[in-house]
Amino acid sequence: KTDFINFISDQEWKSIEPVSSWFGPSSFLMSSMSALFQLSMWIRHCHGYLTENVGIPVWASYAVFALATLFSGLILGLVSEALETDWL
């Protein structure tokens, strides 16, 4: 507590460089990181729901997420390829 008070009263905060705009809380990079963390929490919640409430085995839940990952990658690849050929 005293270190923090001294930091403020001695104006040591003026010698610290501000955070780059890339790492600011409202930057695109940090918003994307937040979205990834929220997605991981949603996946964890879905895994818990599938194993605890639905009663499927853990390996089956992993298989569901693996297939979902493969299909979403396939769809994103097809969409990006279609957009690329239309633009060129």
Protein backbone atom coordinates (compact mmCIF):
# COMPACT_ATOMS: atom_id res chain seq x y z
CA LYS A 1 0.00 0.00 0.00
CA THR A 2 2.77 2.41 0.88
CA ASP A 3 4.59 1.64 -2.38
CA PHE A 4 1.47 2.56 -4.33
CA ILE A 5 1.00 5.78 -2.36
CA ASN A 6 4.64 6.70 -2.93
CA PHE A 7 4.27 5.88 -6.62
CA ILE A 8 1.44 8.40 -6.87
CA SER A 9 2.75 11.10 -4.53
CA ASP A 10 6.29 11.07 -5.96
CA GLN A 11 4.83 11.14 -9.48
CA GLU A 12 6.82 8.09 -10.54
CA TRP A 13 4.00 7.26 -12.93
CA LYS A 14 5.26 9.99 -15.28
CA SER A 15 8.38 7.97 -16.09
CA ILE A 16 6.39 4.96 -17.33
CA GLU A 17 5.60 4.83 -21.04
CA PRO A 18 1.93 4.47 -21.95
CA VAL A 19 0.62 1.17 -23.26
CA SER A 20 0.77 0.84 -27.03
CA SER A 21 -2.56 1.15 -28.82
CA TRP A 22 -2.18 -2.47 -29.92
CA PHE A 23 -2.35 -3.64 -26.32
CA GLY A 24 -4.97 -1.23 -25.04
CA PRO A 25 -8.13 -2.79 -23.59
CA SER A 26 -10.33 -1.52 -26.42
CA SER A 27 -7.99 -2.43 -29.29
CA PHE A 28 -8.90 -4.95 -31.97
CA LEU A 29 -6.21 -7.34 -30.74
CA MET A 30 -7.47 -7.39 -27.15
CA SER A 31 -11.10 -7.60 -28.25
CA SER A 32 -10.17 -10.63 -30.36
CA MET A 33 -8.37 -12.22 -27.41
CA SER A 34 -11.44 -11.62 -25.25
CA ALA A 35 -13.65 -13.27 -27.86
CA LEU A 36 -11.34 -16.31 -27.93
CA PHE A 37 -11.48 -16.62 -24.15
CA GLN A 38 -15.27 -16.35 -24.22
CA LEU A 39 -15.39 -19.02 -26.92
CA SER A 40 -13.22 -21.33 -24.83
CA MET A 41 -15.51 -20.84 -21.82
CA TRP A 42 -18.54 -21.60 -24.02
CA ILE A 43 -16.88 -24.78 -25.30
CA ARG A 44 -16.08 -25.80 -21.72
CA HIS A 45 -19.71 -25.19 -20.73
CA CYS A 46 -20.96 -27.25 -23.69
CA HIS A 47 -18.55 -30.07 -22.83
CA GLY A 48 -19.84 -30.10 -19.26
CA TYR A 49 -23.44 -30.11 -20.49
CA LEU A 50 -22.81 -32.97 -22.91
CA THR A 51 -21.01 -35.14 -20.36
CA GLU A 52 -23.04 -34.34 -17.23
CA ASN A 53 -26.59 -33.63 -18.43
CA VAL A 54 -26.82 -35.59 -21.68
CA GLY A 55 -24.61 -38.39 -20.38
CA ILE A 56 -22.37 -39.00 -23.35
CA PRO A 57 -18.83 -40.22 -22.67
CA VAL A 58 -15.98 -37.73 -22.55
CA TRP A 59 -14.36 -39.19 -25.67
CA ALA A 60 -17.61 -38.69 -27.61
CA SER A 61 -17.75 -35.06 -26.52
CA TYR A 62 -14.19 -34.58 -27.77
CA ALA A 63 -15.18 -36.26 -31.04
CA VAL A 64 -18.11 -33.85 -31.43
CA PHE A 65 -15.82 -30.85 -30.96
CA ALA A 66 -13.19 -32.31 -33.29
CA LEU A 67 -15.78 -32.81 -36.02
CA ALA A 68 -17.18 -29.32 -35.44
CA THR A 69 -13.66 -27.90 -35.77
CA LEU A 70 -13.06 -29.81 -39.01
CA PHE A 71 -16.37 -28.77 -40.54
CA SER A 72 -16.00 -25.12 -39.54
CA GLY A 73 -12.51 -25.09 -41.06
CA LEU A 74 -13.91 -26.63 -44.22
CA ILE A 75 -16.69 -24.05 -44.44
CA LEU A 76 -14.32 -21.14 -43.74
CA GLY A 77 -11.90 -22.44 -46.35
CA LEU A 78 -14.64 -22.76 -48.95
CA VAL A 79 -15.97 -19.28 -48.20
CA SER A 80 -12.53 -17.69 -48.33
CA GLU A 81 -11.74 -19.47 -51.59
CA ALA A 82 -15.06 -18.37 -53.11
CA LEU A 83 -14.44 -14.77 -52.06
CA GLU A 84 -10.92 -14.88 -53.45
CA THR A 85 -11.97 -16.16 -56.86
CA ASP A 86 -14.78 -13.58 -57.10
CA TRP A 87 -12.45 -10.70 -56.27
CA LEU A 88 -9.69 -11.73 -58.64
